[in-house]
Amino acid sequence: MRLFCCNAVHSSRSKIVLDFHEGGSRPGSKSHEAAGIHQAFQQHGGRIAADSASAAGGNAGDRISSAASNVRAILRISRLTRRNFFTLLGAGPLVWPCAVAAQSTSRVRKIGMFWAGAESDPEMQRRFASLLKGLRQLGWSLGRNIEFELRFADGSPDRFPSMAMELVQANVELIITGTAGLAAIVRKITNTIPILTFGGDLEGIGLIANIRKPEGNITGIQGLHPELMSKRIGLLQELVPTLVRLGVVEPITPSGIITAHYLEVIADAARALGIEVHRVQAHGPDEFATAYATMVKEGDQAAIVITNPLSLAHRNEIITSAARSRLATMYETRVFVAAGGLVSYGNDLIDVYRQLARYVDAILRGAAPADLPVQQPTKFELVINLKTAKLLSLAIPPTLIARADETIE
């Protein structure tokens, strides 16, 4: 059984207290098969309890999917309570009240989490669910000994500083940011609260002194790896054997800084394969179509899109532009391919957030960020959308399909 509690504040600011009780039974009964939602109301906000049962023996992917569904339900409910609309259609039978989550003698530790995008983004929910799972495995029971303060900027850069300040003033013990750019914004406000982040080039941005000894109050996972970029371009070359000119789409946003070093890694990897790089920038969602039109005009034969909050939030615009231009496009993360993009090779972000859970555990147990070396992702995935390949009239080599971790049809 899993018991969730949520105290909603407003549309982009939520305090979420989630308590997970694992097992196949509940107090007072030998088995638990039903799932339901119980709501208790207060004059200034709602507390919600939701109990979700999962089938015994499910695989890891099913459990992550189930956890993500639970997160979506909580966020959905929190929006309803903020509108003072407390009726949930299709709710199951009444289950345990939220008071159960408070039955703990241990001190509750408060964690801040800062996202550039929207709370409704399925990718954010998948990553958050993975973090929660990792924490549970390390003994942190949400609602019993940890709770979360969440901030969602809904893709509005002008809100970043104020939301960072809110988290600092909420007296959290550490802050997790979805990007290195957000970590830089938080660090301008505090150099004492530990900050955990996942970013492409933490050292290049200046957030850490070096990977082995970060110094300061920031540590986490660094995604930049020269071999990874070489692999991406090599895969594009297999898809487009005549490839000699490659377009690189740079989304420009303060929440996702693209360093000169990151761009040099792309250029070096392409040069080693005899490919010339052509860079185009997009400062907003309306500029992705223009970027693709420019690449076609300049004779680019394929493209790579750099992932940051701007490209992630507007992935549908990018995928539509890529299809119209008929440019084979490589993405850095799976979420683009799941939405209709052609191919991605990159870090398994679900695993990355499980890695971040270990940092959270270490810091809550007394470790200093300065003493925790920055790690690199350990799992990578190649995902190909065969339907998109057909629309682009691209013949995917059977050997490439055989190497794919996932194909989408």
Protein backbone atom coordinates (compact mmCIF):
# COMPACT_ATOMS: atom_id res chain seq x y z
CA MET A 1 0.00 0.00 0.00
CA ARG A 2 1.15 3.52 -0.68
CA LEU A 3 -0.26 6.47 1.20
CA PHE A 4 0.19 9.97 -0.18
CA CYS A 5 -0.49 13.32 1.45
CA CYS A 6 -0.40 16.63 -0.34
CA ASN A 7 -0.77 20.15 1.00
CA ALA A 8 -1.21 22.42 -2.03
CA VAL A 9 -0.25 26.09 -1.96
CA HIS A 10 -0.72 27.52 -5.49
CA SER A 11 -0.30 26.67 -9.17
CA SER A 12 3.48 26.73 -9.28
CA ARG A 13 4.30 26.24 -5.64
CA SER A 14 3.43 23.05 -3.82
CA LYS A 15 4.39 21.48 -0.56
CA ILE A 16 4.15 17.76 -1.05
CA VAL A 17 4.34 15.27 1.76
CA LEU A 18 4.21 11.73 0.45
CA ASP A 19 4.35 8.70 2.66
CA PHE A 20 5.01 5.32 1.10
CA HIS A 21 4.12 2.17 3.05
CA GLU A 22 5.22 -0.82 1.01
CA GLY A 23 3.62 -4.21 1.29
CA GLY A 24 0.64 -6.21 0.34
CA SER A 25 -1.53 -5.61 3.40
CA ARG A 26 -2.92 -2.80 5.50
CA PRO A 27 -3.68 -2.56 9.22
CA GLY A 28 -6.72 -4.54 10.11
CA SER A 29 -6.81 -6.76 7.01
CA LYS A 30 -4.88 -9.64 5.54
CA SER A 31 -4.80 -8.38 2.00
CA HIS A 32 -5.19 -5.16 0.08
CA GLU A 33 -6.40 -5.13 -3.50
CA ALA A 34 -8.49 -1.97 -3.84
CA ALA A 35 -7.26 1.55 -4.48
CA GLY A 36 -9.01 4.73 -3.45
CA ILE A 37 -8.83 8.39 -2.59
CA HIS A 38 -9.81 10.02 0.66
CA GLN A 39 -10.19 13.76 0.97
CA ALA A 40 -10.30 15.78 4.17
CA PHE A 41 -10.84 19.50 3.97
CA GLN A 42 -9.52 22.48 5.85
CA GLN A 43 -10.54 26.10 5.51
CA HIS A 44 -7.21 27.20 3.99
CA GLY A 45 -6.21 24.32 1.75
CA GLY A 46 -6.80 20.64 1.29
CA ARG A 47 -5.01 17.58 2.54
CA ILE A 48 -5.38 14.60 0.33
CA ALA A 49 -4.73 10.96 0.96
CA ALA A 50 -4.48 8.55 -1.89
CA ASP A 51 -3.92 4.84 -1.65
CA SER A 52 -2.70 3.06 -4.78
CA ALA A 53 -2.29 -0.69 -4.90
CA SER A 54 -0.03 -2.31 -7.49
CA ALA A 55 -0.13 -5.84 -8.86
CA ALA A 56 2.30 -8.19 -7.16
CA GLY A 57 5.36 -9.18 -9.14
CA GLY A 58 5.33 -6.20 -11.55
CA ASN A 59 8.56 -5.37 -13.32
CA ALA A 60 10.70 -2.30 -12.60
CA GLY A 61 9.28 -0.36 -15.55
CA ASP A 62 5.73 -0.98 -14.35
CA ARG A 63 6.62 0.21 -10.86
CA ILE A 64 8.18 3.42 -12.20
CA SER A 65 5.11 3.97 -14.41
CA SER A 66 2.84 3.36 -11.42
CA ALA A 67 4.82 5.77 -9.27
CA ALA A 68 4.68 8.40 -12.00
CA SER A 69 0.91 7.92 -12.21
CA ASN A 70 0.66 8.49 -8.46
CA VAL A 71 2.69 11.69 -8.75
CA ARG A 72 0.41 12.87 -11.59
CA ALA A 73 -2.63 12.17 -9.42
CA ILE A 74 -1.22 14.18 -6.53
CA LEU A 75 -0.32 17.17 -8.69
CA ARG A 76 -3.70 17.00 -10.38
CA ILE A 77 -5.46 16.97 -7.01
CA SER A 78 -3.35 19.86 -5.74
CA ARG A 79 -4.53 22.02 -8.65
CA LEU A 80 -8.14 21.16 -7.86
CA THR A 81 -7.79 22.14 -4.23
CA ARG A 82 -6.27 25.46 -5.19
CA ARG A 83 -9.41 26.21 -7.15
CA ASN A 84 -11.55 25.21 -4.16
CA PHE A 85 -12.99 22.39 -6.22
CA PHE A 86 -12.87 19.32 -4.06
CA THR A 87 -14.82 16.74 -6.02
CA LEU A 88 -12.90 13.96 -7.68
CA LEU A 89 -14.75 11.90 -10.26
CA GLY A 90 -14.20 8.19 -10.21
CA ALA A 91 -12.60 8.09 -6.77
CA GLY A 92 -12.32 4.67 -5.20
CA PRO A 93 -13.40 3.58 -1.73
CA LEU A 94 -12.44 5.52 1.35
CA VAL A 95 -9.01 4.63 2.72
CA TRP A 96 -6.60 5.76 5.43
CA PRO A 97 -6.66 9.42 6.50
CA CYS A 98 -3.60 11.62 6.25
CA ALA A 99 -3.10 11.53 10.00
CA VAL A 100 -1.47 8.14 9.51
CA ALA A 101 1.44 9.81 7.69
CA ALA A 102 2.20 11.93 10.74
CA GLN A 103 2.63 8.96 13.05
CA SER A 104 6.40 9.09 13.30
CA THR A 105 8.81 9.94 16.05
CA SER A 106 11.67 10.81 13.68
CA ARG A 107 12.39 14.38 12.60
CA VAL A 108 10.98 15.30 9.20
CA ARG A 109 13.69 16.65 6.88
CA LYS A 110 12.66 19.24 4.33
CA ILE A 111 13.96 19.08 0.73
CA GLY A 112 13.47 21.78 -1.88
CA MET A 113 13.04 20.99 -5.57
CA PHE A 114 13.12 23.56 -8.37
CA TRP A 115 11.86 22.88 -11.91
CA ALA A 116 11.93 25.31 -14.83
CA GLY A 117 8.93 23.69 -16.50
CA ALA A 118 5.36 22.87 -15.56
CA GLU A 119 4.23 20.47 -12.86
CA SER A 120 2.04 18.73 -15.46
CA ASP A 121 5.03 17.73 -17.63
CA PRO A 122 5.05 13.89 -17.80
CA GLU A 123 8.86 13.84 -18.02
CA MET A 124 9.17 15.78 -14.76
CA GLN A 125 6.77 13.34 -13.13
CA ARG A 126 8.79 10.32 -14.33
CA ARG A 127 12.02 11.77 -12.94
CA PHE A 128 10.42 12.72 -9.64
CA ALA A 129 8.93 9.23 -9.30
CA SER A 130 12.37 7.72 -9.85
CA LEU A 131 13.88 9.99 -7.19
CA LEU A 132 11.17 8.96 -4.74
CA LYS A 133 11.80 5.29 -5.44
CA GLY A 134 15.53 5.72 -4.87
CA LEU A 135 14.90 7.49 -1.58
CA ARG A 136 12.55 4.75 -0.38
CA GLN A 137 15.23 2.17 -1.06
CA LEU A 138 17.60 4.17 1.15
CA GLY A 139 15.18 4.32 4.07
CA TRP A 140 13.62 7.74 3.55
CA SER A 141 9.87 7.47 3.98
CA LEU A 142 8.10 10.51 2.62
CA GLY A 143 5.72 12.03 5.09
CA ARG A 144 7.45 10.22 7.93
CA ASN A 145 11.02 11.50 7.79
CA ILE A 146 11.22 13.69 4.65
CA GLU A 147 8.97 16.15 2.85
CA PHE A 148 9.28 18.26 -0.31
CA GLU A 149 8.85 21.93 -1.14
CA LEU A 150 8.34 22.07 -4.93
CA ARG A 151 8.55 25.08 -7.23
CA PHE A 152 7.52 25.08 -10.92
CA ALA A 153 8.37 28.12 -13.03
CA ASP A 154 6.19 27.05 -15.98
CA GLY A 155 8.96 28.03 -18.39
CA SER A 156 9.00 31.70 -17.29
CA PRO A 157 12.62 32.88 -16.72
CA ASP A 158 11.45 36.03 -14.95
CA ARG A 159 10.12 33.83 -12.13
CA PHE A 160 13.38 31.97 -11.49
CA PRO A 161 14.96 34.39 -8.94
CA SER A 162 11.81 34.79 -6.83
CA MET A 163 11.19 31.03 -6.72
CA ALA A 164 14.79 30.38 -5.77
CA MET A 165 14.41 32.90 -2.94
CA GLU A 166 11.19 31.20 -1.79
CA LEU A 167 12.98 27.86 -1.45
CA VAL A 168 15.84 29.39 0.51
CA GLN A 169 13.39 31.14 2.84
CA ALA A 170 11.44 27.89 3.33
CA ASN A 171 14.34 26.63 5.47
CA VAL A 172 14.95 23.53 3.37
CA GLU A 173 18.01 21.41 4.16
CA LEU A 174 19.01 20.98 0.53
CA ILE A 175 17.76 22.03 -2.91
CA ILE A 176 17.58 19.86 -6.01
CA THR A 177 17.44 21.69 -9.32
CA GLY A 178 16.42 20.25 -12.68
CA THR A 179 19.22 22.06 -14.52
CA ALA A 180 22.65 23.53 -13.86
CA GLY A 181 21.34 26.96 -14.86
CA LEU A 182 18.80 26.86 -12.03
CA ALA A 183 21.56 25.76 -9.65
CA ALA A 184 23.54 28.86 -10.62
CA ILE A 185 20.52 31.05 -9.84
CA VAL A 186 20.05 29.44 -6.43
CA ARG A 187 23.74 29.79 -5.60
CA LYS A 188 23.51 33.55 -6.10
CA ILE A 189 21.16 33.55 -3.11
CA THR A 190 22.83 31.00 -0.84
CA ASN A 191 26.31 29.55 -0.53
CA THR A 192 25.43 27.48 2.53
CA ILE A 193 22.40 25.35 1.64
CA PRO A 194 23.57 22.23 -0.28
CA ILE A 195 22.49 22.19 -3.93
CA LEU A 196 22.19 19.04 -6.05
CA THR A 197 21.83 19.24 -9.81
CA PHE A 198 22.14 17.38 -13.09
CA GLY A 199 23.73 19.35 -15.91
CA GLY A 200 25.74 19.01 -19.06
CA ASP A 201 28.87 20.92 -18.02
CA LEU A 202 28.94 21.84 -14.32
CA GLU A 203 32.64 22.60 -14.39
CA GLY A 204 32.38 24.70 -17.56
CA ILE A 205 29.61 26.84 -16.05
CA GLY A 206 31.79 27.41 -12.98
CA LEU A 207 29.47 25.71 -10.51
CA ILE A 208 32.21 23.37 -9.27
CA ALA A 209 35.98 23.63 -8.97
CA ASN A 210 36.48 20.18 -10.49
CA ILE A 211 34.73 16.83 -10.66
CA ARG A 212 36.75 15.10 -7.94
CA LYS A 213 36.59 17.97 -5.44
CA PRO A 214 33.59 20.24 -6.20
CA GLU A 215 34.20 22.67 -3.32
CA GLY A 216 31.44 25.12 -2.44
CA ASN A 217 27.84 23.97 -1.88
CA ILE A 218 27.05 22.31 -5.23
CA THR A 219 27.50 18.74 -6.42
CA GLY A 220 25.57 16.22 -8.51
CA ILE A 221 25.71 14.53 -11.92
CA GLN A 222 27.49 15.90 -15.01
CA GLY A 223 26.17 14.65 -18.33
CA LEU A 224 28.85 15.99 -20.68
CA HIS A 225 31.09 13.24 -22.05
CA PRO A 226 33.12 13.52 -25.29
CA GLU A 227 32.58 9.85 -26.17
CA LEU A 228 28.83 10.29 -25.77
CA MET A 229 28.76 13.11 -28.32
CA SER A 230 30.94 11.13 -30.72
CA LYS A 231 28.49 8.26 -30.44
CA ARG A 232 25.53 10.52 -31.27
CA ILE A 233 27.14 11.92 -34.39
CA GLY A 234 28.32 8.48 -35.46
CA LEU A 235 24.75 7.18 -35.19
CA LEU A 236 23.53 10.05 -37.36
CA GLN A 237 26.17 9.14 -39.90
CA GLU A 238 24.76 5.60 -40.02
CA LEU A 239 21.31 7.06 -40.71
CA VAL A 240 22.61 9.56 -43.29
CA PRO A 241 25.72 7.99 -44.87
CA THR A 242 26.41 11.11 -46.99
CA LEU A 243 26.47 13.37 -43.92
CA VAL A 244 29.15 16.08 -44.18
CA ARG A 245 27.31 19.08 -42.70
CA LEU A 246 25.52 18.98 -39.34
CA GLY A 247 23.20 21.59 -37.84
CA VAL A 248 23.28 22.12 -34.06
CA VAL A 249 20.21 23.73 -32.48
CA GLU A 250 21.09 25.82 -29.42
CA PRO A 251 18.06 26.77 -27.26
CA ILE A 252 19.01 29.93 -25.36
CA THR A 253 17.60 30.25 -21.83
CA PRO A 254 19.08 31.27 -18.45
CA SER A 255 17.83 28.02 -16.90
CA GLY A 256 19.87 25.87 -19.27
CA ILE A 257 23.25 27.41 -19.99
CA ILE A 258 25.14 25.95 -22.96
CA THR A 259 28.86 26.43 -22.37
CA ALA A 260 31.53 27.09 -24.98
CA HIS A 261 33.18 23.85 -23.88
CA TYR A 262 30.00 21.89 -24.60
CA LEU A 263 29.87 23.31 -28.12
CA GLU A 264 33.58 22.57 -28.61
CA VAL A 265 32.96 18.93 -27.68
CA ILE A 266 30.29 18.72 -30.41
CA ALA A 267 32.54 20.39 -32.98
CA ASP A 268 35.52 18.17 -32.10
CA ALA A 269 33.44 14.99 -32.33
CA ALA A 270 32.06 16.04 -35.72
CA ARG A 271 35.46 17.08 -37.06
CA ALA A 272 36.91 13.69 -36.16
CA LEU A 273 34.28 12.13 -38.44
CA GLY A 274 34.87 14.59 -41.29
CA ILE A 275 31.70 16.57 -40.59
CA GLU A 276 31.31 20.36 -40.52
CA VAL A 277 29.12 21.90 -37.81
CA HIS A 278 26.68 24.76 -38.36
CA ARG A 279 25.14 26.31 -35.22
CA VAL A 280 21.73 27.98 -35.05
CA GLN A 281 20.10 29.55 -32.00
CA ALA A 282 16.51 29.68 -30.80
CA HIS A 283 15.58 32.16 -28.07
CA GLY A 284 11.95 31.08 -27.81
CA PRO A 285 9.46 28.50 -29.06
CA ASP A 286 8.62 30.53 -32.17
CA GLU A 287 12.24 30.42 -33.33
CA PHE A 288 12.60 26.65 -33.71
CA ALA A 289 10.81 26.66 -37.07
CA THR A 290 13.11 29.46 -38.23
CA ALA A 291 16.15 27.53 -37.02
CA TYR A 292 15.18 24.50 -39.09
CA ALA A 293 14.43 26.62 -42.13
CA THR A 294 17.89 28.17 -41.79
CA MET A 295 19.57 24.76 -41.55
CA VAL A 296 17.83 23.59 -44.71
CA LYS A 297 18.83 26.79 -46.52
CA GLU A 298 22.46 26.36 -45.43
CA GLY A 299 22.58 22.80 -46.72
CA ASP A 300 22.64 20.93 -43.43
CA GLN A 301 21.84 17.25 -43.90
CA ALA A 302 20.98 16.35 -40.29
CA ALA A 303 20.68 18.05 -36.91
CA ILE A 304 21.33 17.66 -33.20
CA VAL A 305 19.12 19.46 -30.67
CA ILE A 306 20.73 20.35 -27.34
CA THR A 307 18.47 19.55 -24.40
CA ASN A 308 17.64 22.22 -21.84
CA PRO A 309 14.38 23.50 -20.31
CA LEU A 310 13.50 25.54 -23.42
CA SER A 311 13.82 22.64 -25.85
CA LEU A 312 12.23 20.21 -23.39
CA ALA A 313 9.18 22.42 -22.78
CA HIS A 314 8.68 23.02 -26.50
CA ARG A 315 9.67 19.63 -27.85
CA ASN A 316 6.49 19.36 -29.91
CA GLU A 317 7.39 22.53 -31.85
CA ILE A 318 10.88 21.15 -32.49
CA ILE A 319 9.62 17.75 -33.64
CA THR A 320 7.08 19.40 -35.97
CA SER A 321 9.79 21.64 -37.46
CA ALA A 322 12.12 18.67 -37.95
CA ALA A 323 9.39 16.72 -39.76
CA ARG A 324 8.53 19.64 -42.05
CA SER A 325 12.17 20.20 -42.95
CA ARG A 326 12.71 16.45 -43.36
CA LEU A 327 16.00 16.69 -41.46
CA ALA A 328 17.07 13.58 -39.57
CA THR A 329 17.45 14.86 -35.99
CA MET A 330 19.33 13.37 -33.06
CA TYR A 331 18.08 14.22 -29.57
CA GLU A 332 19.94 13.85 -26.31
CA THR A 333 17.12 12.25 -24.31
CA ARG A 334 14.38 9.69 -24.87
CA VAL A 335 11.47 12.05 -24.15
CA PHE A 336 11.82 13.69 -27.59
CA VAL A 337 11.60 10.37 -29.41
CA ALA A 338 8.62 9.28 -27.35
CA ALA A 339 6.91 12.48 -28.53
CA GLY A 340 7.64 11.75 -32.21
CA GLY A 341 11.31 12.61 -32.72
CA LEU A 342 13.51 10.34 -34.82
CA VAL A 343 16.32 9.10 -32.58
CA SER A 344 18.02 9.75 -29.25
CA TYR A 345 21.13 8.50 -27.58
CA GLY A 346 21.95 9.68 -24.12
CA ASN A 347 21.76 9.35 -20.39
CA ASP A 348 19.06 7.21 -18.87
CA LEU A 349 17.50 10.04 -16.85
CA ILE A 350 15.43 7.70 -14.71
CA ASP A 351 18.68 6.17 -13.51
CA VAL A 352 20.23 9.64 -13.09
CA TYR A 353 17.54 10.58 -10.58
CA ARG A 354 18.14 7.34 -8.70
CA GLN A 355 21.79 8.42 -8.53
CA LEU A 356 20.69 11.80 -7.16
CA ALA A 357 18.78 9.97 -4.41
CA ARG A 358 22.11 8.65 -3.10
CA TYR A 359 23.43 12.23 -2.87
CA VAL A 360 20.32 13.26 -0.95
CA ASP A 361 20.86 10.38 1.44
CA ALA A 362 24.51 11.28 2.01
CA ILE A 363 23.79 14.97 2.65
CA LEU A 364 20.91 14.29 5.03
CA ARG A 365 23.25 11.99 6.94
CA GLY A 366 25.82 14.75 7.34
CA ALA A 367 28.05 14.76 4.25
CA ALA A 368 29.10 18.11 2.75
CA PRO A 369 28.60 18.74 -0.99
CA ALA A 370 32.22 19.87 -1.24
CA ASP A 371 33.33 16.37 -0.26
CA LEU A 372 31.03 14.48 -2.66
CA PRO A 373 32.66 14.03 -6.09
CA VAL A 374 30.54 14.82 -9.13
CA GLN A 375 29.54 11.62 -10.91
CA GLN A 376 28.69 10.87 -14.51
CA PRO A 377 25.69 8.84 -15.65
CA THR A 378 26.30 5.11 -15.78
CA LYS A 379 23.45 4.01 -18.05
CA PHE A 380 22.74 5.10 -21.62
CA GLU A 381 19.94 4.31 -24.03
CA LEU A 382 19.44 4.33 -27.79
CA VAL A 383 15.81 4.92 -28.80
CA ILE A 384 14.53 4.95 -32.39
CA ASN A 385 11.10 5.97 -33.63
CA LEU A 386 10.46 3.72 -36.63
CA LYS A 387 7.23 5.50 -37.53
CA THR A 388 9.07 8.81 -37.81
CA ALA A 389 11.81 7.17 -39.87
CA LYS A 390 9.19 5.93 -42.32
CA LEU A 391 7.65 9.41 -42.61
CA LEU A 392 11.12 10.78 -43.41
CA SER A 393 11.71 7.95 -45.92
CA LEU A 394 14.76 6.87 -43.94
CA ALA A 395 15.80 3.23 -44.11
CA ILE A 396 17.08 2.28 -40.66
CA PRO A 397 19.88 -0.30 -40.95
CA PRO A 398 18.85 -3.60 -39.32
CA THR A 399 22.10 -3.61 -37.35
CA LEU A 400 21.12 -0.26 -35.80
CA ILE A 401 17.66 -1.52 -34.89
CA ALA A 402 19.26 -4.55 -33.26
CA ARG A 403 21.43 -2.29 -31.08
CA ALA A 404 18.53 -0.07 -29.98
CA ASP A 405 17.40 -0.29 -26.37
CA GLU A 406 13.91 0.67 -27.51
CA THR A 407 12.11 1.06 -30.81
CA ILE A 408 8.85 2.97 -31.06
CA GLU A 409 6.37 1.94 -33.72
